[in-house]
Structures are given as C-alpha cells and as structure tokens.
Amino acid sequence: MNPVLLWFGTAALIIGALASIAIWSPRDRKIKLGALACATALLPVCYFSLDDLLGRPKAIDLEAAIGYTEEAAVLSSVVEEDIAIYLWLKLEGIDEPRSFELPWNKQMAVDLHQAQQQAEAEGTKVKMRRPTEDSLDDQEPVFYAAAQPAPPPKQAPDESPLVFQASRPD
C-alpha cells in the first residue's frame, strides 16, 4: 500500500472523529456547521500537502522507515553550494530509488565529486557508506567509487584429451 494513502487515511479518520465530536457537542447549530465546514476543507488540504511532499527530497536524518543500511548506490546528485547536497539513492532492500537532502558540507561535496570522477574513470558506480547513520566517525569518506566486479571464474580445461579421427578415403 502507498504510504501517502495510509497517512491520508489516518488523517481522515482523525478529522472525522473531530467533526463527530463537534457535531454531537451541545453547541449552537452555527458552530457545529462551522466545525463541519472546517473538517471538510481540511481533507483536501491534507491530501494535496502529502501529495506535494512526494516530489521533494527528504532530509536523510528523518528517514526512519528504512532503518540502518550499510550502503546505498548514488544514482544522481546535485550540489548547491552553501545550501544542500541533493541525492537520488538506491537503498538496499527497497525497490524504488529515493530522493534525499543532505545539509551543506564542503568536505562531503568534495568527496562526492572525487568519487564521481573515480567511478567514471573506472567504469563503476558511486556508493554511499551508512546513509542513514548520523555518525561522528569521519575517518573514512562517506562517498566512494565501487570496486570493479570480479571477472567470472575461468572454466578448467576438459580433462579428456582431444581425439581426432582421420577419415580414410575408400
């Protein structure tokens, strides 16, 4: 199920409960109609605000749904100097890529650029270490070029000797 629909359904139930309380409370009819009108107006606002969020990058430190991930493939990136680093990541265990926003960090932007150049030169992809972990350990760079895949194992030569049979003309 789409998470947006789940959140919208939850919001609709809460709005419905509040509207029900407003309707059954011992208040003037005008106040009840006003509360019902507000609840009715709030439903489309909730839906369109959630729908609008789908196209925006999410702050990576707010990503709680995926839990801990060791690494992610960087599909694309945009660096806005002094603003943010925008990433399009393919996370392990999740089918579709996700859009994230990292706070501006000059060293991280340099590491990303160097990893992209190295990956392009080697014909590999850029990876990101521990994308959802907010670690103080900055010993190794966050971005790196993935190692080239190992070549397939070579086939051992057939143990039986080759036998050629010469044909004789009759």
Protein backbone atom coordinates (compact mmCIF):
# COMPACT_ATOMS: atom_id res chain seq x y z
CA MET A 1 0.00 0.00 0.00
CA ASN A 2 1.17 3.51 -0.80
CA PRO A 3 2.34 5.24 2.42
CA VAL A 4 0.76 8.53 1.32
CA LEU A 5 -2.66 6.88 1.21
CA LEU A 6 -2.05 5.34 4.62
CA TRP A 7 -1.15 8.72 6.14
CA PHE A 8 -4.08 10.38 4.41
CA GLY A 9 -6.45 7.68 5.68
CA THR A 10 -5.17 8.22 9.22
CA ALA A 11 -5.63 11.98 8.91
CA ALA A 12 -9.16 11.48 7.50
CA LEU A 13 -10.11 9.28 10.48
CA ILE A 14 -8.83 11.86 12.95
CA ILE A 15 -10.62 14.66 11.12
CA GLY A 16 -13.80 12.57 11.06
CA ALA A 17 -13.54 11.94 14.80
CA LEU A 18 -13.09 15.65 15.50
CA ALA A 19 -16.04 16.52 13.22
CA SER A 20 -18.19 13.93 15.01
CA ILE A 21 -17.30 15.42 18.38
CA ALA A 22 -18.14 18.90 17.07
CA ILE A 23 -21.48 17.75 15.65
CA TRP A 24 -22.65 15.92 18.81
CA SER A 25 -21.47 18.56 21.25
CA PRO A 26 -24.09 20.75 22.96
CA ARG A 27 -23.31 23.87 20.91
CA ASP A 28 -25.16 26.26 18.68
CA ARG A 29 -26.03 24.97 15.20
CA LYS A 30 -23.85 27.65 13.52
CA ILE A 31 -20.78 26.49 15.47
CA LYS A 32 -21.47 22.86 14.52
CA LEU A 33 -21.81 23.76 10.82
CA GLY A 34 -18.60 25.82 11.02
CA ALA A 35 -16.72 22.87 12.54
CA LEU A 36 -18.06 20.54 9.86
CA ALA A 37 -17.05 23.01 7.12
CA CYS A 38 -13.53 23.26 8.57
CA ALA A 39 -13.21 19.46 8.70
CA THR A 40 -14.43 19.18 5.11
CA ALA A 41 -11.94 21.84 3.95
CA LEU A 42 -9.08 20.18 5.83
CA LEU A 43 -9.36 16.85 3.98
CA PRO A 44 -8.23 18.10 0.53
CA VAL A 45 -5.55 20.26 2.14
CA CYS A 46 -4.11 17.16 3.86
CA TYR A 47 -4.20 15.14 0.65
CA PHE A 48 -2.54 17.77 -1.55
CA SER A 49 0.10 18.58 1.05
CA LEU A 50 1.07 14.90 1.29
CA ASP A 51 0.99 14.56 -2.49
CA ASP A 52 3.25 17.60 -2.86
CA LEU A 53 5.79 16.07 -0.49
CA LEU A 54 6.29 13.09 -2.81
CA GLY A 55 8.34 15.15 -5.24
CA ARG A 56 10.57 16.83 -2.68
CA PRO A 57 13.82 15.48 -1.29
CA LYS A 58 13.61 14.23 2.28
CA ALA A 59 16.16 15.13 4.92
CA ILE A 60 18.18 11.95 5.26
CA ASP A 61 18.26 12.13 9.07
CA LEU A 62 14.44 11.93 9.08
CA GLU A 63 14.44 8.60 7.23
CA ALA A 64 13.20 6.21 9.89
CA ALA A 65 11.30 3.78 7.68
CA ILE A 66 14.36 2.06 6.23
CA GLY A 67 16.31 1.69 9.46
CA TYR A 68 20.03 1.01 9.30
CA THR A 69 21.51 0.49 5.85
CA GLU A 70 25.20 -0.28 5.31
CA GLU A 71 25.45 1.35 1.88
CA ALA A 72 23.45 2.85 -0.96
CA ALA A 73 24.11 3.42 -4.66
CA VAL A 74 24.18 7.08 -5.68
CA LEU A 75 22.17 7.29 -8.89
CA SER A 76 22.39 11.06 -9.24
CA SER A 77 23.43 14.12 -7.28
CA VAL A 78 23.15 17.90 -7.36
CA VAL A 79 25.39 20.06 -5.21
CA GLU A 80 24.06 23.51 -4.33
CA GLU A 81 26.97 25.32 -2.70
CA ASP A 82 26.18 26.67 0.79
CA ILE A 83 22.63 25.24 0.55
CA ALA A 84 22.49 21.43 0.35
CA ILE A 85 23.59 18.25 -1.39
CA TYR A 86 20.68 16.54 -3.15
CA LEU A 87 20.97 12.80 -3.77
CA TRP A 88 18.94 10.19 -5.63
CA LEU A 89 19.77 6.92 -3.83
CA LYS A 90 19.02 3.26 -4.45
CA LEU A 91 18.84 1.76 -0.96
CA GLU A 92 19.33 -1.90 -0.13
CA GLY A 93 16.06 -3.78 0.28
CA ILE A 94 13.88 -1.05 -1.27
CA ASP A 95 12.64 -1.42 -4.84
CA GLU A 96 12.33 2.21 -5.89
CA PRO A 97 15.00 4.93 -5.55
CA ARG A 98 14.55 7.71 -3.00
CA SER A 99 15.37 11.42 -3.07
CA PHE A 100 17.29 12.86 -0.12
CA GLU A 101 18.75 16.15 1.00
CA LEU A 102 21.97 16.40 2.99
CA PRO A 103 22.92 19.59 4.81
CA TRP A 104 25.74 21.50 3.09
CA ASN A 105 29.19 20.22 3.97
CA LYS A 106 32.15 21.28 1.84
CA GLN A 107 34.23 18.17 2.59
CA MET A 108 31.31 15.89 1.75
CA ALA A 109 30.78 17.74 -1.56
CA VAL A 110 34.48 17.34 -2.42
CA ASP A 111 34.36 13.62 -1.51
CA LEU A 112 31.27 13.16 -3.70
CA HIS A 113 32.92 14.92 -6.65
CA GLN A 114 36.13 12.87 -6.30
CA ALA A 115 34.14 9.62 -6.04
CA GLN A 116 32.17 10.54 -9.17
CA GLN A 117 35.37 11.22 -11.12
CA GLN A 118 36.99 8.00 -9.94
CA ALA A 119 33.87 5.94 -10.70
CA GLU A 120 33.64 7.44 -14.18
CA ALA A 121 37.32 6.67 -14.85
CA GLU A 122 36.96 3.09 -13.64
CA GLY A 123 33.54 2.48 -15.17
CA THR A 124 31.86 1.75 -11.83
CA LYS A 125 29.20 3.41 -9.67
CA VAL A 126 29.33 5.82 -6.74
CA LYS A 127 28.34 4.37 -3.37
CA MET A 128 27.50 5.99 -0.04
CA ARG A 129 28.50 4.47 3.30
CA ARG A 130 25.89 4.29 6.06
CA PRO A 131 23.44 6.80 4.51
CA THR A 132 21.01 6.78 7.44
CA GLU A 133 23.58 6.85 10.25
CA ASP A 134 24.45 10.18 11.84
CA SER A 135 27.95 9.24 12.94
CA LEU A 136 30.69 11.36 14.40
CA ASP A 137 33.26 8.99 12.90
CA ASP A 138 34.63 10.78 9.85
CA GLN A 139 37.73 8.64 9.39
CA GLU A 140 36.64 7.31 6.01
CA PRO A 141 34.80 9.29 3.33
CA VAL A 142 31.06 8.91 3.03
CA PHE A 143 31.17 8.62 -0.78
CA TYR A 144 33.40 6.23 -2.70
CA ALA A 145 33.70 4.59 -6.09
CA ALA A 146 32.58 0.98 -6.01
CA ALA A 147 35.17 -1.66 -6.79
CA GLN A 148 35.06 -3.28 -10.17
CA PRO A 149 33.19 -6.58 -10.09
CA ALA A 150 35.32 -9.70 -10.12
CA PRO A 151 35.58 -11.39 -13.50
CA PRO A 152 33.70 -14.66 -13.88
CA PRO A 153 35.68 -17.74 -12.91
CA LYS A 154 37.58 -19.36 -15.71
CA GLN A 155 36.49 -22.77 -16.89
CA ALA A 156 39.01 -25.52 -16.27
CA PRO A 157 40.07 -27.24 -19.47
CA ASP A 158 38.37 -30.51 -20.16
CA GLU A 159 40.39 -33.37 -18.65
CA SER A 160 39.83 -35.79 -21.52
CA PRO A 161 42.34 -35.48 -24.35
CA LEU A 162 41.09 -34.48 -27.72
CA VAL A 163 40.96 -37.38 -30.14
CA PHE A 164 40.84 -36.69 -33.82
CA GLN A 165 39.79 -39.41 -36.16
CA ALA A 166 41.13 -39.15 -39.63
CA SER A 167 38.81 -40.33 -42.29
CA ARG A 168 40.23 -42.62 -44.95
CA PRO A 169 39.14 -42.38 -48.49
CA ASP A 170 37.81 -45.67 -49.84
